[in-house]
Amino acid sequence: MYQWDFSILWTYRWLLLEGLGMTVALTVAVVIGGLLVGLLGAAGMLVKNRICNGLAIAVIELFRCTPILVQLIWCYYALPILAGIELTPITASILALSCYGGSFYSEIIRGGILSIEEGQNEAGMALGMTPALAMRRIVLPQAIRRMMPALMNQSILQFKNTSLVSVLAVPDLVYQGQIAAHDSFRPLETYTAVAVGYFIVLLPLTLYVRHRERKFGSAR
């Protein structure tokens, strides 16, 4: 029978904590980048221009319909050859994950804006507001409130997606866990600790999202 021994992990505590810190930092970067990509994508789909609509939809579906692991590898190995630039593993990871997450953020943002009645936008323009001002002062504040639970859920998925960057040797929690497992010959204990690390970070966020969803549902 297998004898569990978690005490060996004490030797690798700083290695795993550094990996967790890298994972959290990557998540913050890809969430911010993804939201920016999502805003651009949603604007492209909502603007009344067929060329912009078609281009935005094509790019969004390209990232939505291809595996994120393939995108990570492509950004790191193929993009530098085609663009003539050199990317570090971290830069390539942030770029790929931001574009992938942004393709989903864009649909959330677009749906949130379209969920607001058109009459409110028209009422703002009737008061002398420009379409952009009516969007910023009337539509967006309401849309953001409706979008928030979905945006936070997608951000949680972004946190879990960062586990894939270990294939590019980015020193995240999974990659550092691999080093510890190979060095200690204790993969079961090491990967259990890695899973616990993700759980400790994600559980409060998940509970908060559920609270927001219930609060939004009661408010409606």
Protein backbone atom coordinates (compact mmCIF):
# COMPACT_ATOMS: atom_id res chain seq x y z
CA MET A 1 0.00 0.00 0.00
CA TYR A 2 1.30 3.46 -0.92
CA GLN A 3 2.67 5.45 2.01
CA TRP A 4 1.84 9.14 1.71
CA ASP A 5 4.51 11.54 2.91
CA PHE A 6 3.75 15.25 2.50
CA SER A 7 6.62 16.31 4.75
CA ILE A 8 9.01 16.09 1.79
CA LEU A 9 7.18 19.05 0.21
CA TRP A 10 8.46 21.39 2.92
CA THR A 11 11.78 21.39 1.10
CA TYR A 12 10.06 22.71 -2.04
CA ARG A 13 7.70 25.17 -0.35
CA TRP A 14 9.36 28.29 -1.80
CA LEU A 15 9.53 26.75 -5.25
CA LEU A 16 5.80 26.03 -5.20
CA LEU A 17 4.95 29.43 -3.71
CA GLU A 18 6.95 31.16 -6.44
CA GLY A 19 5.01 29.11 -9.00
CA LEU A 20 1.72 30.14 -7.41
CA GLY A 21 2.79 33.77 -7.49
CA MET A 22 3.64 33.47 -11.18
CA THR A 23 0.26 31.86 -11.85
CA VAL A 24 -1.60 34.70 -10.10
CA ALA A 25 0.47 37.35 -11.90
CA LEU A 26 -0.16 35.68 -15.26
CA THR A 27 -3.87 35.54 -14.51
CA VAL A 28 -4.01 39.27 -13.77
CA ALA A 29 -2.15 40.02 -17.01
CA VAL A 30 -4.30 37.77 -19.22
CA VAL A 31 -7.56 38.97 -17.65
CA ILE A 32 -6.64 42.62 -18.32
CA GLY A 33 -5.41 41.76 -21.81
CA GLY A 34 -8.46 39.62 -22.48
CA LEU A 35 -10.85 42.38 -21.43
CA LEU A 36 -9.12 44.81 -23.78
CA VAL A 37 -9.35 42.30 -26.63
CA GLY A 38 -12.96 41.61 -25.67
CA LEU A 39 -13.87 45.30 -25.78
CA LEU A 40 -12.35 45.64 -29.24
CA GLY A 41 -14.09 42.49 -30.44
CA ALA A 42 -17.47 43.54 -29.05
CA ALA A 43 -17.11 47.00 -30.61
CA GLY A 44 -16.26 45.40 -33.94
CA MET A 45 -19.36 43.22 -33.82
CA LEU A 46 -21.67 46.03 -32.72
CA VAL A 47 -20.51 48.76 -35.10
CA LYS A 48 -22.72 49.22 -38.16
CA ASN A 49 -20.13 48.25 -40.72
CA ARG A 50 -20.16 44.91 -42.50
CA ILE A 51 -16.41 44.78 -43.01
CA CYS A 52 -15.72 45.43 -39.32
CA ASN A 53 -18.42 42.96 -38.34
CA GLY A 54 -17.05 40.24 -40.57
CA LEU A 55 -13.45 40.79 -39.50
CA ALA A 56 -14.32 40.83 -35.80
CA ILE A 57 -16.44 37.68 -36.06
CA ALA A 58 -13.75 35.85 -38.05
CA VAL A 59 -11.02 36.65 -35.53
CA ILE A 60 -13.21 35.83 -32.53
CA GLU A 61 -14.33 32.48 -33.97
CA LEU A 62 -10.73 31.64 -34.90
CA PHE A 63 -9.70 31.82 -31.26
CA ARG A 64 -12.91 30.32 -29.90
CA CYS A 65 -12.79 27.29 -32.18
CA THR A 66 -9.14 26.28 -31.78
CA PRO A 67 -7.59 24.69 -28.66
CA ILE A 68 -5.73 27.05 -26.36
CA LEU A 69 -2.81 24.60 -26.15
CA VAL A 70 -2.37 24.80 -29.92
CA GLN A 71 -2.54 28.60 -29.76
CA LEU A 72 0.15 28.70 -27.08
CA ILE A 73 2.52 26.55 -29.11
CA TRP A 74 1.74 28.45 -32.33
CA CYS A 75 2.33 31.86 -30.72
CA TYR A 76 5.67 30.78 -29.29
CA TYR A 77 7.08 28.85 -32.25
CA ALA A 78 5.28 30.03 -35.41
CA LEU A 79 4.49 33.70 -34.76
CA PRO A 80 8.14 34.77 -34.33
CA ILE A 81 8.99 33.17 -37.69
CA LEU A 82 6.09 34.88 -39.50
CA ALA A 83 6.38 38.27 -37.77
CA GLY A 84 10.15 38.38 -37.48
CA ILE A 85 10.06 39.07 -33.75
CA GLU A 86 11.29 37.03 -30.83
CA LEU A 87 8.88 36.25 -28.00
CA THR A 88 9.75 35.04 -24.54
CA PRO A 89 7.66 32.16 -23.17
CA ILE A 90 5.85 34.54 -20.79
CA THR A 91 5.09 37.07 -23.54
CA ALA A 92 3.81 34.37 -25.88
CA SER A 93 1.67 32.93 -23.08
CA ILE A 94 0.11 36.29 -22.22
CA LEU A 95 -0.59 37.01 -25.89
CA ALA A 96 -2.21 33.64 -26.57
CA LEU A 97 -4.26 33.53 -23.38
CA SER A 98 -5.38 37.16 -23.77
CA CYS A 99 -6.62 36.54 -27.31
CA TYR A 100 -8.28 33.26 -26.34
CA GLY A 101 -10.01 34.74 -23.31
CA GLY A 102 -10.82 37.93 -25.22
CA SER A 103 -12.81 35.95 -27.77
CA PHE A 104 -15.14 34.84 -24.96
CA TYR A 105 -15.13 38.19 -23.17
CA SER A 106 -16.24 39.84 -26.43
CA GLU A 107 -19.36 37.68 -26.63
CA ILE A 108 -20.17 38.40 -22.98
CA ILE A 109 -19.75 42.14 -23.48
CA ARG A 110 -21.75 42.13 -26.71
CA GLY A 111 -24.57 40.15 -25.10
CA GLY A 112 -24.61 42.44 -22.07
CA ILE A 113 -24.91 45.57 -24.22
CA LEU A 114 -27.62 44.05 -26.40
CA SER A 115 -29.59 43.02 -23.29
CA ILE A 116 -30.28 46.69 -22.52
CA GLU A 117 -33.46 47.94 -24.14
CA GLU A 118 -32.86 50.08 -27.22
CA GLY A 119 -35.33 52.61 -25.87
CA GLN A 120 -32.89 53.66 -23.16
CA ASN A 121 -30.25 54.56 -25.70
CA GLU A 122 -32.86 56.45 -27.73
CA ALA A 123 -34.03 58.28 -24.59
CA GLY A 124 -30.48 59.44 -23.95
CA MET A 125 -30.14 60.80 -27.48
CA ALA A 126 -33.52 62.50 -27.12
CA LEU A 127 -32.03 64.39 -24.18
CA GLY A 128 -29.27 65.69 -26.43
CA MET A 129 -26.62 63.04 -25.77
CA THR A 130 -24.45 61.69 -28.55
CA PRO A 131 -24.65 57.91 -29.17
CA ALA A 132 -21.24 57.47 -27.50
CA LEU A 133 -22.27 59.50 -24.46
CA ALA A 134 -25.56 57.63 -24.13
CA MET A 135 -23.65 54.36 -24.33
CA ARG A 136 -21.19 55.44 -21.63
CA ARG A 137 -23.68 57.02 -19.20
CA ILE A 138 -26.82 54.95 -19.67
CA VAL A 139 -26.21 51.63 -21.39
CA LEU A 140 -22.80 50.54 -20.11
CA PRO A 141 -23.47 51.02 -16.36
CA GLN A 142 -26.47 48.71 -16.61
CA ALA A 143 -24.77 46.28 -18.98
CA ILE A 144 -21.68 45.93 -16.78
CA ARG A 145 -23.85 44.94 -13.84
CA ARG A 146 -25.46 42.21 -15.92
CA MET A 147 -22.15 41.07 -17.41
CA MET A 148 -20.23 40.89 -14.13
CA PRO A 149 -21.03 37.28 -13.10
CA ALA A 150 -20.22 35.95 -16.58
CA LEU A 151 -17.03 38.03 -16.78
CA MET A 152 -15.89 36.74 -13.42
CA ASN A 153 -16.64 33.14 -14.40
CA GLN A 154 -14.55 33.59 -17.53
CA SER A 155 -11.76 35.10 -15.44
CA ILE A 156 -11.80 31.99 -13.23
CA LEU A 157 -11.43 29.89 -16.36
CA GLN A 158 -8.49 32.09 -17.36
CA PHE A 159 -6.84 31.28 -14.04
CA LYS A 160 -7.17 27.56 -14.74
CA ASN A 161 -6.03 27.99 -18.35
CA THR A 162 -2.71 29.34 -17.12
CA SER A 163 -1.81 25.79 -16.08
CA LEU A 164 -1.12 25.08 -19.76
CA VAL A 165 1.76 27.56 -20.00
CA SER A 166 4.01 24.95 -18.40
CA VAL A 167 4.43 23.47 -21.90
CA LEU A 168 6.45 26.59 -22.76
CA ALA A 169 8.57 26.22 -19.59
CA VAL A 170 6.93 29.21 -17.92
CA PRO A 171 7.66 28.74 -14.17
CA ASP A 172 4.03 28.67 -13.06
CA LEU A 173 2.65 26.44 -10.31
CA VAL A 174 2.32 23.37 -12.56
CA TYR A 175 5.84 23.72 -13.98
CA GLN A 176 7.37 24.19 -10.53
CA GLY A 177 5.33 21.22 -9.35
CA GLN A 178 6.83 19.13 -12.14
CA ILE A 179 10.33 20.08 -11.01
CA ALA A 180 9.52 19.20 -7.40
CA ALA A 181 7.91 15.90 -8.40
CA HIS A 182 10.87 14.81 -10.52
CA ASP A 183 13.38 15.84 -7.86
CA SER A 184 11.57 14.31 -4.88
CA PHE A 185 10.17 11.21 -6.61
CA ARG A 186 6.88 12.05 -4.90
CA PRO A 187 4.51 12.97 -7.78
CA LEU A 188 1.31 12.09 -5.91
CA GLU A 189 2.02 14.37 -2.99
CA THR A 190 3.38 17.12 -5.22
CA TYR A 191 0.46 17.26 -7.63
CA THR A 192 -1.97 17.01 -4.72
CA ALA A 193 -0.32 20.10 -3.26
CA VAL A 194 -0.56 21.81 -6.67
CA ALA A 195 -4.29 21.00 -6.84
CA VAL A 196 -4.77 22.34 -3.31
CA GLY A 197 -3.02 25.56 -4.31
CA TYR A 198 -5.46 26.11 -7.18
CA PHE A 199 -8.38 25.19 -4.92
CA ILE A 200 -7.39 27.66 -2.19
CA VAL A 201 -7.26 30.53 -4.69
CA LEU A 202 -10.34 29.58 -6.70
CA LEU A 203 -12.81 28.64 -3.95
CA PRO A 204 -13.27 32.19 -2.55
CA LEU A 205 -13.60 33.56 -6.10
CA THR A 206 -16.17 30.93 -7.02
CA LEU A 207 -18.20 31.60 -3.89
CA TYR A 208 -18.10 35.34 -4.59
CA VAL A 209 -19.33 34.80 -8.15
CA ARG A 210 -22.22 32.70 -6.88
CA HIS A 211 -23.07 35.42 -4.37
CA ARG A 212 -23.09 38.01 -7.15
CA GLU A 213 -25.27 35.80 -9.33
CA ARG A 214 -27.81 35.36 -6.54
CA LYS A 215 -27.74 39.08 -5.77
CA PHE A 216 -28.27 39.94 -9.43
CA GLY A 217 -31.09 37.41 -9.70
CA SER A 218 -32.90 38.87 -6.67
CA ALA A 219 -32.38 42.40 -7.96
CA ARG A 220 -34.07 41.49 -11.24
